[in-house]
Amino acid sequence: MDDSKSTTARLTVAEVTDAIEAVAPLAWQESYDNAGLILGSPQQTIGKALLCTDITPDVVEEAIAEGAGLIVSHHPAIFRGLKKIDPTTPFGKMLGRSLEHGIAWYAAHTNFDNAPTGVNAYWADKLGLRNRAVLEPLPGMAAKVPEPAEGAGKTAEAPQTADSMRPAAGAGLHGSLPRSMNETELLEKLKTWSGAACIRHSGLCGRTITHVGVCGGSGAFLQAGARRAGCQVLITGEAKYHDFVEASPDLWLVELGHFESEQFTKQLFYECIKKKFPTFATRISETEHCPVCYF
């Protein structure tokens, strides 16, 4: 999606990122994370933003070609501490190119994962989950999630109920399907929606699925919470071998692929920004792709 022809007064980086933080405050990120402004000044003025899942050399070149002064990614380009920067490496080159062209980097990662209208809500909407609740609420946060308005179609526009005393935020969502599904039907839908080349899972045993847990990215740690919530399946983006061992047979574990499960954050970022700044030029990256290939 590209609004290259959109025109508006130039915005500061902070104005754009504030629109995202209104949905996913930085206080909601996990302690190990590095969400927020990673490169550049919040007062830097920009005329366009490029949205992606990961900042890569190709994405940086796309931003340069498009004249974007800000790249908003889901995964932080700098996640762990840096001790040196080698300008001959792919990371060093893309950092140098970004500095050369005055491109800021911003990431909305686990704060966006923990937001009730983030990527998990995308999957909950696709599945039509009802009576939604957070699988592992953040300290002091509610578990119950307000239902999207009927026909709204956009997770970012889900209304808050009048009696909501605390925001619902935390890892994963769960809820009831509008109708039961068998395992194969669910897998076929997930494969179509995600575009995954293949889906790993812990094995078919004739389950009738009525209650589903979802967590984009690496969410297999939520298996115990999914069991407590009465889920028959936990759908996530990434799981390890021993996660599959632990899943069978009482909880079905389904792995879509990390990128495949979170690729839709770009669209959600777009909706956050365009809701507040309808005429600001915002582009979803067209060059990025899943880095994992299958033979």
Protein backbone atom coordinates (compact mmCIF):
# COMPACT_ATOMS: atom_id res chain seq x y z
CA MET A 1 0.00 0.00 0.00
CA ASP A 2 1.40 3.37 -0.99
CA ASP A 3 0.16 6.90 -0.44
CA SER A 4 2.99 8.56 -2.35
CA LYS A 5 0.55 11.16 -3.63
CA SER A 6 -0.70 12.08 -0.15
CA THR A 7 0.24 15.58 0.91
CA THR A 8 0.35 17.16 4.34
CA ALA A 9 2.53 19.43 6.42
CA ARG A 10 5.71 17.64 7.39
CA LEU A 11 5.44 15.83 10.70
CA THR A 12 8.00 15.14 13.38
CA VAL A 13 9.10 11.58 14.02
CA ALA A 14 7.50 11.89 17.46
CA GLU A 15 4.11 12.80 16.01
CA VAL A 16 4.11 9.68 13.86
CA THR A 17 5.36 7.35 16.58
CA ASP A 18 2.95 8.82 19.13
CA ALA A 19 0.11 7.53 16.94
CA ILE A 20 1.46 4.00 17.35
CA GLU A 21 2.17 4.40 21.06
CA ALA A 22 -1.42 5.52 21.61
CA VAL A 23 -2.32 1.90 20.76
CA ALA A 24 0.82 0.23 22.14
CA PRO A 25 2.55 2.29 24.88
CA LEU A 26 6.26 1.63 25.31
CA ALA A 27 5.55 0.78 28.96
CA TRP A 28 3.93 -2.42 27.67
CA GLN A 29 7.16 -3.81 26.21
CA GLU A 30 8.94 -6.71 27.90
CA SER A 31 12.05 -6.00 29.99
CA TYR A 32 14.39 -7.63 27.47
CA ASP A 33 13.08 -5.62 24.53
CA ASN A 34 14.38 -2.54 22.70
CA ALA A 35 11.20 -0.99 21.31
CA GLY A 36 11.01 2.73 20.57
CA LEU A 37 13.16 5.17 18.64
CA ILE A 38 16.44 3.43 17.82
CA LEU A 39 18.03 5.84 15.34
CA GLY A 40 17.38 9.55 14.84
CA SER A 41 15.77 12.39 16.74
CA PRO A 42 12.12 12.54 17.80
CA GLN A 43 12.07 16.15 16.60
CA GLN A 44 13.33 15.29 13.12
CA THR A 45 10.80 16.37 10.49
CA ILE A 46 9.77 13.87 7.84
CA GLY A 47 7.50 13.75 4.83
CA LYS A 48 7.00 10.01 4.55
CA ALA A 49 7.21 6.79 6.58
CA LEU A 50 8.01 3.27 5.39
CA LEU A 51 6.53 0.34 7.33
CA CYS A 52 8.04 -3.15 7.59
CA THR A 53 8.49 -6.21 9.77
CA ASP A 54 12.32 -6.11 9.72
CA ILE A 55 14.76 -3.39 8.73
CA THR A 56 17.08 -4.90 6.13
CA PRO A 57 19.51 -3.41 3.59
CA ASP A 58 16.81 -3.76 0.91
CA VAL A 59 14.27 -1.95 3.08
CA VAL A 60 16.72 0.89 3.72
CA GLU A 61 17.35 1.23 -0.02
CA GLU A 62 13.59 1.27 -0.57
CA ALA A 63 13.25 4.07 2.00
CA ILE A 64 15.98 6.06 0.24
CA ALA A 65 14.33 5.59 -3.15
CA GLU A 66 10.95 6.63 -1.75
CA GLY A 67 12.26 9.61 0.20
CA ALA A 68 11.05 8.22 3.52
CA GLY A 69 12.57 9.84 6.59
CA LEU A 70 11.34 7.18 9.01
CA ILE A 71 11.25 3.38 8.94
CA VAL A 72 8.80 1.79 11.37
CA SER A 73 9.51 -1.89 11.96
CA HIS A 74 8.06 -4.56 14.20
CA HIS A 75 11.38 -6.16 15.13
CA PRO A 76 14.07 -3.80 16.51
CA ALA A 77 17.04 -3.50 14.16
CA ILE A 78 19.24 -3.20 17.27
CA PHE A 79 18.10 -5.77 19.81
CA ARG A 80 21.21 -6.58 21.84
CA GLY A 81 24.11 -4.38 22.94
CA LEU A 82 26.58 -3.34 20.23
CA LYS A 83 30.31 -3.28 20.98
CA LYS A 84 31.46 -2.24 17.52
CA ILE A 85 30.08 -1.37 14.11
CA ASP A 86 31.78 -2.76 11.02
CA PRO A 87 30.79 -0.67 7.98
CA THR A 88 31.55 -3.61 5.68
CA THR A 89 28.82 -5.84 7.17
CA PRO A 90 25.20 -5.70 5.94
CA PHE A 91 24.14 -4.10 9.24
CA GLY A 92 26.99 -1.58 9.14
CA LYS A 93 26.19 -0.65 5.57
CA MET A 94 22.48 -0.13 6.17
CA LEU A 95 23.21 1.90 9.29
CA GLY A 96 25.65 4.06 7.34
CA ARG A 97 23.18 4.53 4.49
CA SER A 98 20.45 5.51 6.93
CA LEU A 99 22.69 8.05 8.64
CA GLU A 100 23.79 9.41 5.27
CA HIS A 101 20.17 9.99 4.22
CA GLY A 102 18.82 11.06 7.61
CA ILE A 103 16.49 8.09 8.02
CA ALA A 104 15.20 7.39 11.54
CA TRP A 105 14.44 3.87 12.83
CA TYR A 106 11.58 3.06 15.16
CA ALA A 107 10.34 -0.32 16.44
CA ALA A 108 7.05 -1.34 18.02
CA HIS A 109 7.77 -4.88 19.16
CA THR A 110 6.57 -6.59 22.36
CA ASN A 111 4.59 -3.48 23.32
CA PHE A 112 2.63 -4.06 20.09
CA ASP A 113 2.49 -7.81 20.76
CA ASN A 114 0.97 -7.05 24.17
CA ALA A 115 -1.56 -4.57 22.83
CA PRO A 116 -5.11 -5.96 22.60
CA THR A 117 -5.44 -4.46 19.11
CA GLY A 118 -2.05 -5.72 17.87
CA VAL A 119 -1.13 -8.71 15.74
CA ASN A 120 -2.96 -11.20 17.99
CA ALA A 121 -6.18 -9.28 17.43
CA TYR A 122 -5.60 -9.64 13.68
CA TRP A 123 -5.67 -13.42 14.05
CA ALA A 124 -8.57 -13.30 16.50
CA ASP A 125 -10.52 -11.25 13.95
CA LYS A 126 -9.70 -13.65 11.11
CA LEU A 127 -10.96 -16.55 13.24
CA GLY A 128 -13.94 -14.56 14.52
CA LEU A 129 -13.07 -15.31 18.15
CA ARG A 130 -15.70 -14.36 20.71
CA ASN A 131 -15.39 -13.64 24.44
CA ARG A 132 -11.74 -12.73 24.03
CA ALA A 133 -9.29 -12.52 26.89
CA VAL A 134 -5.54 -12.12 27.28
CA LEU A 135 -3.68 -15.38 27.94
CA GLU A 136 -1.02 -13.80 30.16
CA PRO A 137 -1.96 -10.26 31.24
CA LEU A 138 0.73 -7.74 32.12
CA PRO A 139 0.90 -6.88 35.86
CA GLY A 140 -2.00 -4.64 36.80
CA MET A 141 -3.76 -5.11 33.47
CA ALA A 142 -7.15 -6.64 32.79
CA ALA A 143 -7.61 -9.92 30.94
CA LYS A 144 -10.99 -9.35 29.30
CA VAL A 145 -10.76 -7.72 25.86
CA PRO A 146 -13.63 -5.59 24.48
CA GLU A 147 -15.21 -7.11 21.39
CA PRO A 148 -14.75 -5.32 18.03
CA ALA A 149 -17.78 -3.46 16.79
CA GLU A 150 -19.80 -5.65 14.43
CA GLY A 151 -18.79 -4.90 10.86
CA ALA A 152 -15.92 -2.62 11.93
CA GLY A 153 -13.40 -4.79 10.09
CA LYS A 154 -10.34 -3.13 11.62
CA THR A 155 -8.75 -4.31 14.82
CA ALA A 156 -7.33 -0.85 15.54
CA GLU A 157 -10.91 0.49 15.87
CA ALA A 158 -12.19 -1.93 18.50
CA PRO A 159 -14.22 0.17 21.02
CA GLN A 160 -13.61 0.29 24.75
CA THR A 161 -16.56 -0.66 26.94
CA ALA A 162 -17.90 1.89 29.40
CA ASP A 163 -17.10 -0.26 32.39
CA SER A 164 -13.46 -0.91 31.43
CA MET A 165 -11.52 0.06 34.53
CA ARG A 166 -8.14 -1.11 33.30
CA PRO A 167 -6.79 -1.69 29.82
CA ALA A 168 -6.43 -5.29 28.70
CA ALA A 169 -2.82 -5.93 27.72
CA GLY A 170 -0.49 -8.89 27.71
CA ALA A 171 0.76 -11.90 25.79
CA GLY A 172 -1.59 -13.83 23.52
CA LEU A 173 -5.36 -13.89 23.17
CA HIS A 174 -7.90 -16.66 23.43
CA GLY A 175 -11.56 -17.01 22.65
CA SER A 176 -14.34 -19.16 21.22
CA LEU A 177 -14.85 -19.84 17.53
CA PRO A 178 -18.23 -18.83 16.08
CA ARG A 179 -18.59 -22.47 15.00
CA SER A 180 -16.54 -25.58 15.62
CA MET A 181 -13.87 -26.67 13.13
CA ASN A 182 -11.99 -29.87 12.58
CA GLU A 183 -8.19 -29.80 12.56
CA THR A 184 -7.73 -29.95 8.80
CA GLU A 185 -10.21 -27.16 8.15
CA LEU A 186 -8.42 -24.91 10.61
CA LEU A 187 -5.01 -25.68 9.10
CA GLU A 188 -6.28 -24.95 5.60
CA LYS A 189 -7.65 -21.57 6.68
CA LEU A 190 -4.46 -20.63 8.51
CA LYS A 191 -2.31 -21.61 5.53
CA THR A 192 -4.43 -19.53 3.16
CA TRP A 193 -4.50 -16.48 5.43
CA SER A 194 -0.79 -16.57 6.31
CA GLY A 195 0.61 -17.60 2.93
CA ALA A 196 2.85 -20.06 4.79
CA ALA A 197 4.73 -22.54 2.62
CA CYS A 198 4.09 -25.16 5.28
CA ILE A 199 2.67 -25.33 8.79
CA ARG A 200 4.23 -27.43 11.55
CA HIS A 201 1.98 -28.87 14.24
CA SER A 202 2.03 -31.44 17.01
CA GLY A 203 -0.12 -34.01 15.22
CA LEU A 204 -3.72 -34.71 14.22
CA CYS A 205 -5.94 -36.76 16.50
CA GLY A 206 -9.49 -35.89 15.41
CA ARG A 207 -10.05 -32.89 17.66
CA THR A 208 -13.12 -30.71 17.28
CA ILE A 209 -11.85 -27.17 17.83
CA THR A 210 -14.08 -24.67 19.63
CA HIS A 211 -11.65 -22.66 21.80
CA VAL A 212 -8.46 -21.17 20.36
CA GLY A 213 -5.37 -19.41 21.71
CA VAL A 214 -3.26 -17.20 19.41
CA CYS A 215 0.13 -15.54 19.84
CA GLY A 216 2.17 -14.11 16.98
CA GLY A 217 5.93 -14.62 16.99
CA SER A 218 7.51 -16.91 19.59
CA GLY A 219 4.48 -17.76 21.70
CA ALA A 220 4.94 -21.41 22.65
CA PHE A 221 5.76 -20.30 26.22
CA LEU A 222 2.01 -19.71 26.62
CA GLN A 223 1.09 -23.40 26.51
CA ALA A 224 0.36 -23.62 30.24
CA GLY A 225 -1.82 -20.51 30.08
CA ALA A 226 -3.64 -21.87 27.03
CA ARG A 227 -4.41 -25.09 28.90
CA ARG A 228 -5.73 -23.15 31.90
CA ALA A 229 -7.92 -21.08 29.59
CA GLY A 230 -9.47 -24.23 28.11
CA CYS A 231 -7.89 -23.88 24.66
CA GLN A 232 -7.73 -26.96 22.46
CA VAL A 233 -5.11 -25.35 20.24
CA LEU A 234 -2.41 -22.70 20.56
CA ILE A 235 -1.54 -21.05 17.25
CA THR A 236 1.80 -19.26 17.23
CA GLY A 237 4.59 -18.20 14.92
CA GLU A 238 7.55 -20.11 16.28
CA ALA A 239 8.10 -23.12 18.53
CA LYS A 240 11.02 -25.38 19.48
CA TYR A 241 11.21 -29.17 19.38
CA HIS A 242 10.52 -29.58 23.09
CA ASP A 243 7.51 -27.29 22.81
CA PHE A 244 5.95 -29.86 20.49
CA VAL A 245 6.86 -32.66 22.90
CA GLU A 246 5.08 -30.85 25.72
CA ALA A 247 2.05 -30.00 23.58
CA SER A 248 0.86 -33.48 22.74
CA PRO A 249 -1.75 -34.78 23.32
CA ASP A 250 -3.79 -32.40 25.52
CA LEU A 251 -2.98 -29.17 23.68
CA TRP A 252 -2.51 -28.99 19.92
CA LEU A 253 0.39 -26.71 19.00
CA VAL A 254 0.33 -25.09 15.55
CA GLU A 255 3.32 -23.12 14.19
CA LEU A 256 2.73 -20.78 11.25
CA GLY A 257 6.25 -19.36 10.94
CA HIS A 258 7.53 -16.26 12.73
CA PHE A 259 7.33 -13.91 9.76
CA GLU A 260 4.08 -15.41 8.53
CA SER A 261 2.41 -14.79 11.88
CA GLU A 262 3.60 -11.19 12.27
CA GLN A 263 3.76 -9.86 8.71
CA PHE A 264 0.45 -8.07 9.26
CA THR A 265 1.95 -5.63 11.78
CA LYS A 266 2.77 -3.40 8.79
CA GLN A 267 -0.91 -3.03 7.99
CA LEU A 268 -1.76 -2.36 11.63
CA PHE A 269 0.93 0.34 11.83
CA TYR A 270 -0.55 1.85 8.68
CA GLU A 271 -4.01 1.98 10.23
CA CYS A 272 -2.69 3.60 13.42
CA ILE A 273 -0.90 6.34 11.50
CA LYS A 274 -3.59 6.99 8.89
CA LYS A 275 -6.30 7.20 11.53
CA LYS A 276 -4.60 10.24 13.05
CA PHE A 277 -2.91 11.64 9.94
CA PRO A 278 -5.10 10.66 6.97
CA THR A 279 -3.09 12.58 4.37
CA PHE A 280 0.41 11.77 5.62
CA ALA A 281 2.42 9.79 3.05
CA THR A 282 2.78 6.26 4.42
CA ARG A 283 4.02 3.23 2.50
CA ILE A 284 4.08 -0.48 3.34
CA SER A 285 7.35 -2.03 2.23
CA GLU A 286 7.21 -3.97 -1.02
CA THR A 287 10.78 -5.28 -0.94
CA GLU A 288 10.81 -7.26 2.29
CA HIS A 289 10.03 -10.96 2.29
CA CYS A 290 10.22 -13.91 4.63
CA PRO A 291 13.91 -14.71 5.15
CA VAL A 292 13.18 -18.42 5.66
CA CYS A 293 13.10 -20.59 2.55
CA TYR A 294 11.86 -24.17 2.17
CA PHE A 295 13.10 -26.93 -0.13
